[in-house]
Amino acid sequence: MRNMNTVFFCALLSLATATMAGAQAPRMSNAPKLVQTLAAGIKGKNPEQVLAILVGQLGPPTRDTGSGLSIPQWDMSDGVLTFHPLTGPVFFEPKTKTHFRLLQTRNRVAANILGAYEMATLPNAAGGSFHLGRLEFRPNSTYQFTDSGQHPGQRSAQAENFFMLHPTGTVEVRYPAPVKPDTLLESLSEGAIVAKLIFTSANGKHQAAHLIASSERARRLHFAADTPLPFQMSASWANFWH
């Protein structure tokens, strides 16, 4: 049985790949007035303060959708407000199928690209995925892949997995126009390609190139390619609260 961290990680991966809609992040000025008022009132506050303000303004939550992690929700006249202690408060307006993020953040591309990426198998028929390892980057333009050593029965599709075959090496970052290192992820459309990473094995004999796409909705970056990959790999944005 997978532990809670694996379940939560796989849920985030699924959200990251399910939100490639091509739309840009909605403006708070288009949200209902009460939501705009709440957004103004929680600016600069930490998670505990934000939750206290929401309870003070809206009363007790309508429900808690968390499992092992409290994620309260409030039913409002125009939609549903969800407070996630890790990723912040979001209001969903069913009429327009729009998600409004109440906290304004600033995530620059260069500061997020070389984060820590988690690798998992592709979802099976039941929608489950299995953790395979973690890809990390060093300040000297090198990478290191650490195999989880788990789920040997779920690795039949990984025979040609570049990172398992070549767990260390160097990486080069290329930004596709008009994206620049200081471009804000929040300013890009859903699913926008923000970088191309060129990996070279430690012995210099093997290379792999991967595109990095950004999901504003899931607040994650994930590996993409012209042809389907045998795995899924994503990393969280750096800033959720500022």
Protein backbone atom coordinates (compact mmCIF):
# COMPACT_ATOMS: atom_id res chain seq x y z
CA MET A 1 0.00 0.00 0.00
CA ARG A 2 1.31 3.47 -0.84
CA ASN A 3 1.93 5.89 2.03
CA MET A 4 0.18 9.26 2.38
CA ASN A 5 3.09 11.20 0.85
CA THR A 6 3.00 9.03 -2.27
CA VAL A 7 -0.78 9.40 -2.57
CA PHE A 8 -0.60 13.19 -2.20
CA PHE A 9 2.30 13.44 -4.67
CA CYS A 10 0.49 11.33 -7.28
CA ALA A 11 -2.67 13.41 -6.87
CA LEU A 12 -0.67 16.55 -7.60
CA LEU A 13 0.89 14.91 -10.66
CA SER A 14 -2.55 13.99 -11.96
CA LEU A 15 -3.78 17.54 -11.43
CA ALA A 16 -0.74 18.91 -13.22
CA THR A 17 -1.40 16.86 -16.34
CA ALA A 18 -5.18 17.35 -16.27
CA THR A 19 -5.18 21.14 -16.41
CA MET A 20 -3.64 21.86 -19.81
CA ALA A 21 -6.52 24.02 -21.00
CA GLY A 22 -4.56 26.85 -22.67
CA ALA A 23 -6.29 29.63 -20.74
CA GLN A 24 -4.42 32.33 -18.84
CA ALA A 25 -4.83 32.81 -15.10
CA PRO A 26 -8.09 34.72 -14.44
CA ARG A 27 -7.94 38.27 -13.07
CA MET A 28 -9.22 38.83 -9.55
CA SER A 29 -11.16 41.86 -10.85
CA ASN A 30 -13.47 39.37 -12.59
CA ALA A 31 -14.26 37.49 -9.38
CA PRO A 32 -17.40 38.15 -7.29
CA LYS A 33 -17.13 41.24 -5.06
CA LEU A 34 -17.03 39.24 -1.83
CA VAL A 35 -14.14 37.17 -3.15
CA GLN A 36 -12.29 40.36 -4.12
CA THR A 37 -12.86 41.69 -0.60
CA LEU A 38 -11.54 38.50 0.96
CA ALA A 39 -8.48 38.57 -1.32
CA ALA A 40 -7.69 42.12 -0.24
CA GLY A 41 -8.09 41.21 3.44
CA ILE A 42 -5.68 38.25 3.41
CA LYS A 43 -2.89 39.93 1.48
CA GLY A 44 0.46 39.40 3.20
CA LYS A 45 -0.97 37.01 5.80
CA ASN A 46 0.37 33.55 6.70
CA PRO A 47 -1.77 30.37 6.40
CA GLU A 48 -3.00 30.45 10.01
CA GLN A 49 -4.01 34.11 9.72
CA VAL A 50 -5.74 33.53 6.38
CA LEU A 51 -7.78 30.64 7.77
CA ALA A 52 -8.80 32.73 10.78
CA ILE A 53 -9.93 35.58 8.51
CA LEU A 54 -11.96 33.23 6.31
CA VAL A 55 -13.71 31.68 9.31
CA GLY A 56 -14.35 35.13 10.73
CA GLN A 57 -15.89 36.37 7.48
CA LEU A 58 -17.69 33.24 6.29
CA GLY A 59 -18.32 31.28 9.47
CA PRO A 60 -17.55 27.58 9.99
CA PRO A 61 -16.65 25.65 6.79
CA THR A 62 -19.40 23.83 4.95
CA ARG A 63 -17.23 20.70 4.77
CA ASP A 64 -13.65 19.46 5.04
CA THR A 65 -12.44 17.66 1.93
CA GLY A 66 -9.03 16.65 3.28
CA SER A 67 -7.79 13.19 4.17
CA GLY A 68 -4.94 13.39 6.64
CA LEU A 69 -4.73 17.10 5.84
CA SER A 70 -7.52 19.56 6.68
CA ILE A 71 -8.86 21.28 3.54
CA PRO A 72 -11.98 23.26 4.49
CA GLN A 73 -14.52 24.48 1.93
CA TRP A 74 -17.26 27.10 2.06
CA ASP A 75 -20.32 27.08 -0.18
CA MET A 76 -20.98 30.66 -1.31
CA SER A 77 -23.73 32.15 -3.44
CA ASP A 78 -21.54 32.24 -6.56
CA GLY A 79 -19.36 29.19 -6.01
CA VAL A 80 -17.08 27.32 -3.62
CA LEU A 81 -14.08 28.63 -1.71
CA THR A 82 -11.40 26.08 -0.81
CA PHE A 83 -8.59 26.73 1.66
CA HIS A 84 -5.57 24.49 1.06
CA PRO A 85 -2.90 24.93 3.76
CA LEU A 86 -0.09 24.23 1.27
CA THR A 87 -1.26 25.87 -1.94
CA GLY A 88 -3.51 28.63 -0.62
CA PRO A 89 -7.17 29.63 -1.01
CA VAL A 90 -8.97 29.24 -4.35
CA PHE A 91 -12.51 30.21 -5.34
CA PHE A 92 -14.30 28.17 -8.02
CA GLU A 93 -17.14 29.81 -9.96
CA PRO A 94 -19.24 27.03 -11.59
CA LYS A 95 -21.05 29.42 -13.94
CA THR A 96 -17.83 30.31 -15.76
CA LYS A 97 -15.85 27.22 -14.67
CA THR A 98 -13.17 29.61 -13.43
CA HIS A 99 -10.72 29.18 -10.56
CA PHE A 100 -9.66 32.42 -8.84
CA ARG A 101 -6.54 32.28 -6.67
CA LEU A 102 -6.96 34.74 -3.79
CA LEU A 103 -3.25 35.27 -3.13
CA GLN A 104 -1.09 37.06 -5.67
CA THR A 105 2.34 35.44 -6.01
CA ARG A 106 5.49 36.07 -8.03
CA ASN A 107 7.25 32.98 -9.39
CA ARG A 108 9.99 33.75 -11.89
CA VAL A 109 10.81 31.04 -14.42
CA ALA A 110 14.54 30.79 -13.67
CA ALA A 111 13.92 30.50 -9.91
CA ASN A 112 11.57 27.56 -10.44
CA ILE A 113 12.92 25.55 -13.39
CA LEU A 114 15.72 23.79 -11.53
CA GLY A 115 13.66 22.59 -8.60
CA ALA A 116 13.24 19.05 -7.32
CA TYR A 117 11.16 16.87 -9.66
CA GLU A 118 9.38 13.71 -8.56
CA MET A 119 9.10 10.84 -11.04
CA ALA A 120 6.23 8.35 -11.12
CA THR A 121 4.82 5.73 -13.44
CA LEU A 122 2.05 6.69 -15.82
CA PRO A 123 -1.43 6.21 -14.29
CA ASN A 124 -2.73 2.66 -14.50
CA ALA A 125 -6.30 1.66 -15.37
CA ALA A 126 -7.40 2.50 -11.84
CA GLY A 127 -5.74 5.91 -11.98
CA GLY A 128 -2.90 4.97 -9.63
CA SER A 129 0.76 5.88 -10.05
CA PHE A 130 3.92 4.62 -8.34
CA HIS A 131 6.84 6.70 -7.17
CA LEU A 132 10.07 5.97 -9.07
CA GLY A 133 12.55 8.58 -7.90
CA ARG A 134 13.60 12.20 -7.51
CA LEU A 135 15.54 14.46 -9.88
CA GLU A 136 17.55 17.29 -8.31
CA PHE A 137 19.81 20.01 -9.71
CA ARG A 138 23.03 21.47 -8.33
CA PRO A 139 24.34 25.06 -8.61
CA ASN A 140 27.13 23.95 -11.00
CA SER A 141 24.66 22.95 -13.76
CA THR A 142 24.67 19.27 -12.82
CA TYR A 143 21.79 16.91 -12.08
CA GLN A 144 21.34 13.85 -9.91
CA PHE A 145 18.57 11.28 -10.08
CA THR A 146 17.90 9.23 -6.95
CA ASP A 147 15.99 6.03 -7.59
CA SER A 148 13.31 5.28 -5.02
CA GLY A 149 14.17 1.58 -5.16
CA GLN A 150 10.46 0.84 -4.86
CA HIS A 151 7.78 -0.92 -6.91
CA PRO A 152 9.96 -3.32 -8.98
CA GLY A 153 6.83 -4.82 -10.49
CA GLN A 154 5.78 -1.47 -11.96
CA ARG A 155 8.94 -0.74 -13.98
CA SER A 156 8.40 -2.68 -17.21
CA ALA A 157 8.12 0.56 -19.21
CA GLN A 158 11.34 2.06 -17.77
CA ALA A 159 13.97 -0.01 -19.64
CA GLU A 160 15.02 3.07 -21.66
CA ASN A 161 14.51 5.61 -18.88
CA PHE A 162 17.40 8.06 -19.39
CA PHE A 163 17.61 9.08 -15.74
CA MET A 164 17.71 5.51 -14.45
CA LEU A 165 20.43 4.65 -16.95
CA HIS A 166 22.35 7.87 -16.40
CA PRO A 167 21.58 9.17 -12.89
CA THR A 168 24.22 11.96 -12.95
CA GLY A 169 25.45 14.47 -15.50
CA THR A 170 25.07 18.07 -16.64
CA VAL A 171 22.05 20.11 -17.68
CA GLU A 172 21.65 23.11 -19.99
CA VAL A 173 18.60 25.40 -19.81
CA ARG A 174 17.18 27.03 -22.94
CA TYR A 175 14.26 29.45 -22.83
CA PRO A 176 11.85 29.57 -25.81
CA ALA A 177 10.88 33.07 -26.95
CA PRO A 178 9.17 35.09 -25.60
CA VAL A 179 9.92 33.43 -22.24
CA LYS A 180 12.89 34.87 -20.34
CA PRO A 181 14.51 33.88 -17.02
CA ASP A 182 12.64 36.64 -15.17
CA THR A 183 9.25 35.93 -16.79
CA LEU A 184 6.57 35.31 -14.19
CA LEU A 185 4.94 31.90 -14.36
CA GLU A 186 1.70 33.58 -13.28
CA SER A 187 1.70 35.62 -16.51
CA LEU A 188 1.77 32.59 -18.82
CA SER A 189 -1.11 30.63 -20.27
CA GLU A 190 -2.02 27.23 -18.88
CA GLY A 191 0.32 24.57 -20.27
CA ALA A 192 2.85 27.06 -21.67
CA ILE A 193 6.30 25.68 -22.48
CA VAL A 194 8.75 27.63 -20.33
CA ALA A 195 12.07 25.90 -20.99
CA LYS A 196 13.93 23.12 -22.73
CA LEU A 197 16.39 21.11 -20.62
CA ILE A 198 19.29 19.35 -22.33
CA PHE A 199 20.70 16.54 -20.19
CA THR A 200 24.14 15.04 -20.84
CA SER A 201 25.28 11.91 -19.00
CA ALA A 202 28.35 12.06 -16.77
CA ASN A 203 30.45 10.20 -19.35
CA GLY A 204 29.38 12.66 -22.05
CA LYS A 205 28.14 9.93 -24.38
CA HIS A 206 24.37 10.22 -23.97
CA GLN A 207 21.88 13.09 -24.20
CA ALA A 208 18.18 13.66 -23.65
CA ALA A 209 16.08 16.77 -24.16
CA HIS A 210 12.85 17.53 -22.33
CA LEU A 211 10.42 20.40 -22.50
CA ILE A 212 9.11 21.92 -19.28
CA ALA A 213 5.46 22.99 -19.23
CA SER A 214 3.79 25.09 -16.54
CA SER A 215 0.36 24.65 -14.98
CA GLU A 216 -0.92 27.76 -13.19
CA ARG A 217 -3.97 25.86 -12.02
CA ALA A 218 -1.91 23.13 -10.32
CA ARG A 219 1.03 25.42 -9.56
CA ARG A 220 3.45 22.83 -10.93
CA LEU A 221 6.01 22.37 -13.68
CA HIS A 222 6.11 19.07 -15.51
CA PHE A 223 8.20 17.29 -18.11
CA ALA A 224 6.79 17.17 -21.63
CA ALA A 225 8.03 15.81 -24.95
CA ASP A 226 7.10 15.57 -28.62
CA THR A 227 6.50 11.85 -28.11
CA PRO A 228 4.82 10.28 -25.06
CA LEU A 229 7.12 9.67 -22.09
CA PRO A 230 7.07 6.37 -20.16
CA PHE A 231 6.87 8.30 -16.89
CA GLN A 232 5.44 11.49 -15.45
CA MET A 233 7.63 13.98 -13.60
CA SER A 234 6.75 17.28 -12.00
CA ALA A 235 7.88 19.86 -9.46
CA SER A 236 5.95 22.35 -7.38
CA TRP A 237 6.26 26.10 -7.95
CA ALA A 238 8.46 27.71 -5.31
CA ASN A 239 6.01 30.30 -3.94
CA PHE A 240 2.39 29.71 -2.97
CA TRP A 241 2.00 32.40 -0.33
CA HIS A 242 4.00 35.41 -1.62
